[in-house]
Amino acid sequence: MPDAVPVARRRDDSSADMGSLVKLGLAEPQPVPQYEGLFLEPPPLPVDDEPA
């Protein structure tokens, strides 16, 4: 089997994830979205007017 070809490391900011860019100081942390009110409440249960 042939030897692996060495690859030079890339210095491209767009190739990193956002967490890594924040740790390196190259980007500001992004706001975390708030999920309040995005989910629907379940419908109310029907109420019988007559006792069983």
N, C-alpha and C. Protein backbone atom coordinates (compact mmCIF):
# COMPACT_ATOMS: atom_id res chain seq x y z
N MET A 1 0.85 -1.18 0.00
CA MET A 1 0.00 0.00 0.00
C MET A 1 0.90 1.24 0.00
N PRO A 2 0.58 2.25 -0.84
CA PRO A 2 1.43 3.45 -0.89
C PRO A 2 1.26 4.29 0.36
N ASP A 3 2.30 5.08 0.63
CA ASP A 3 2.25 5.97 1.79
C ASP A 3 1.25 7.10 1.53
N ALA A 4 0.66 7.61 2.62
CA ALA A 4 -0.29 8.72 2.51
C ALA A 4 0.43 9.99 2.10
N VAL A 5 -0.23 10.79 1.30
CA VAL A 5 0.34 12.05 0.85
C VAL A 5 0.07 13.10 1.94
N PRO A 6 1.11 13.79 2.43
CA PRO A 6 0.87 14.81 3.46
C PRO A 6 0.06 15.98 2.90
N VAL A 7 -0.84 16.47 3.70
CA VAL A 7 -1.71 17.57 3.29
C VAL A 7 -1.42 18.78 4.16
N ALA A 8 -1.30 19.94 3.52
CA ALA A 8 -1.07 21.18 4.28
C ALA A 8 -2.36 21.61 4.96
N ARG A 9 -2.26 22.11 6.19
CA ARG A 9 -3.43 22.59 6.92
C ARG A 9 -3.96 23.85 6.27
N ARG A 10 -5.30 23.97 6.23
CA ARG A 10 -5.90 25.16 5.65
C ARG A 10 -6.07 26.23 6.71
N ARG A 11 -5.93 27.48 6.32
CA ARG A 11 -6.12 28.61 7.23
C ARG A 11 -7.34 29.42 6.79
N ASP A 12 -8.42 28.73 6.47
CA ASP A 12 -9.63 29.38 5.98
C ASP A 12 -10.63 29.48 7.12
N ASP A 13 -11.05 30.72 7.47
CA ASP A 13 -12.00 30.91 8.57
C ASP A 13 -13.35 30.25 8.28
N SER A 14 -13.73 30.15 7.02
CA SER A 14 -15.03 29.58 6.69
C SER A 14 -15.05 28.07 6.83
N SER A 15 -13.91 27.44 7.01
CA SER A 15 -13.88 25.99 7.15
C SER A 15 -14.04 25.55 8.60
N ALA A 16 -14.14 26.47 9.53
CA ALA A 16 -14.29 26.13 10.95
C ALA A 16 -15.74 26.29 11.38
N ASP A 17 -16.10 25.61 12.45
CA ASP A 17 -17.45 25.80 13.00
C ASP A 17 -17.46 27.06 13.86
N MET A 18 -18.64 27.57 14.15
CA MET A 18 -18.77 28.85 14.85
C MET A 18 -18.16 28.79 16.25
N GLY A 19 -18.30 27.66 16.96
CA GLY A 19 -17.73 27.54 18.30
C GLY A 19 -16.22 27.70 18.29
N SER A 20 -15.56 27.13 17.29
CA SER A 20 -14.10 27.25 17.19
C SER A 20 -13.69 28.69 16.88
N LEU A 21 -14.46 29.36 16.01
CA LEU A 21 -14.12 30.75 15.68
C LEU A 21 -14.27 31.66 16.90
N VAL A 22 -15.27 31.40 17.75
CA VAL A 22 -15.46 32.20 18.96
C VAL A 22 -14.29 31.96 19.91
N LYS A 23 -13.88 30.69 20.07
CA LYS A 23 -12.75 30.38 20.96
C LYS A 23 -11.46 31.03 20.50
N LEU A 24 -11.28 31.13 19.19
CA LEU A 24 -10.08 31.75 18.64
C LEU A 24 -10.15 33.27 18.65
N GLY A 25 -11.32 33.82 18.95
CA GLY A 25 -11.48 35.27 18.97
C GLY A 25 -11.70 35.87 17.59
N LEU A 26 -12.05 35.04 16.62
CA LEU A 26 -12.25 35.52 15.26
C LEU A 26 -13.70 35.88 14.97
N ALA A 27 -14.63 35.58 15.90
CA ALA A 27 -16.04 35.88 15.70
C ALA A 27 -16.69 36.12 17.05
N GLU A 28 -17.79 36.86 17.03
CA GLU A 28 -18.56 37.11 18.25
C GLU A 28 -19.54 35.96 18.48
N PRO A 29 -19.83 35.63 19.73
CA PRO A 29 -20.83 34.57 19.98
C PRO A 29 -22.19 34.98 19.43
N GLN A 30 -22.90 34.01 18.89
CA GLN A 30 -24.22 34.27 18.32
C GLN A 30 -25.28 34.15 19.41
N PRO A 31 -26.37 34.93 19.32
CA PRO A 31 -27.44 34.83 20.32
C PRO A 31 -28.14 33.47 20.23
N VAL A 32 -28.58 32.99 21.38
CA VAL A 32 -29.30 31.72 21.43
C VAL A 32 -30.79 32.03 21.27
N PRO A 33 -31.47 31.37 20.32
CA PRO A 33 -32.89 31.67 20.13
C PRO A 33 -33.72 31.19 21.32
N GLN A 34 -34.76 31.95 21.63
CA GLN A 34 -35.68 31.58 22.70
C GLN A 34 -36.88 30.87 22.07
N TYR A 35 -37.27 29.75 22.63
CA TYR A 35 -38.34 28.95 22.05
C TYR A 35 -39.65 29.08 22.81
N GLU A 36 -39.83 30.16 23.53
CA GLU A 36 -41.07 30.35 24.28
C GLU A 36 -42.21 30.67 23.32
N GLY A 37 -43.32 30.01 23.49
CA GLY A 37 -44.51 30.32 22.73
C GLY A 37 -44.54 29.76 21.33
N LEU A 38 -43.54 28.98 20.92
CA LEU A 38 -43.56 28.42 19.59
C LEU A 38 -44.38 27.14 19.51
N PHE A 39 -44.65 26.51 20.65
CA PHE A 39 -45.39 25.27 20.66
C PHE A 39 -46.83 25.54 21.03
N LEU A 40 -47.76 24.89 20.35
CA LEU A 40 -49.17 25.10 20.60
C LEU A 40 -49.61 24.39 21.88
N GLU A 41 -50.51 25.03 22.59
CA GLU A 41 -51.09 24.41 23.78
C GLU A 41 -52.07 23.32 23.33
N PRO A 42 -52.20 22.23 24.10
CA PRO A 42 -53.18 21.20 23.71
C PRO A 42 -54.60 21.77 23.85
N PRO A 43 -55.53 21.30 23.03
CA PRO A 43 -56.90 21.82 23.12
C PRO A 43 -57.52 21.41 24.46
N PRO A 44 -58.44 22.23 24.97
CA PRO A 44 -59.08 21.88 26.25
C PRO A 44 -59.92 20.63 26.08
N LEU A 45 -59.99 19.84 27.16
CA LEU A 45 -60.81 18.63 27.13
C LEU A 45 -62.28 19.01 27.15
N PRO A 46 -63.12 18.25 26.44
CA PRO A 46 -64.54 18.58 26.47
C PRO A 46 -65.13 18.35 27.86
N VAL A 47 -66.03 19.22 28.26
CA VAL A 47 -66.67 19.11 29.58
C VAL A 47 -68.13 18.71 29.35
N ASP A 48 -68.51 17.61 30.01
CA ASP A 48 -69.92 17.18 29.92
C ASP A 48 -70.77 18.00 30.88
N ASP A 49 -71.91 18.50 30.38
CA ASP A 49 -72.82 19.26 31.25
C ASP A 49 -73.65 18.34 32.13
N GLU A 50 -73.89 17.11 31.69
CA GLU A 50 -74.69 16.16 32.46
C GLU A 50 -73.80 15.17 33.17
N PRO A 51 -74.04 14.89 34.46
CA PRO A 51 -73.24 13.89 35.15
C PRO A 51 -73.53 12.49 34.59
N ALA A 52 -72.60 11.61 34.69
CA ALA A 52 -72.75 10.25 34.13
C ALA A 52 -73.58 9.34 34.94
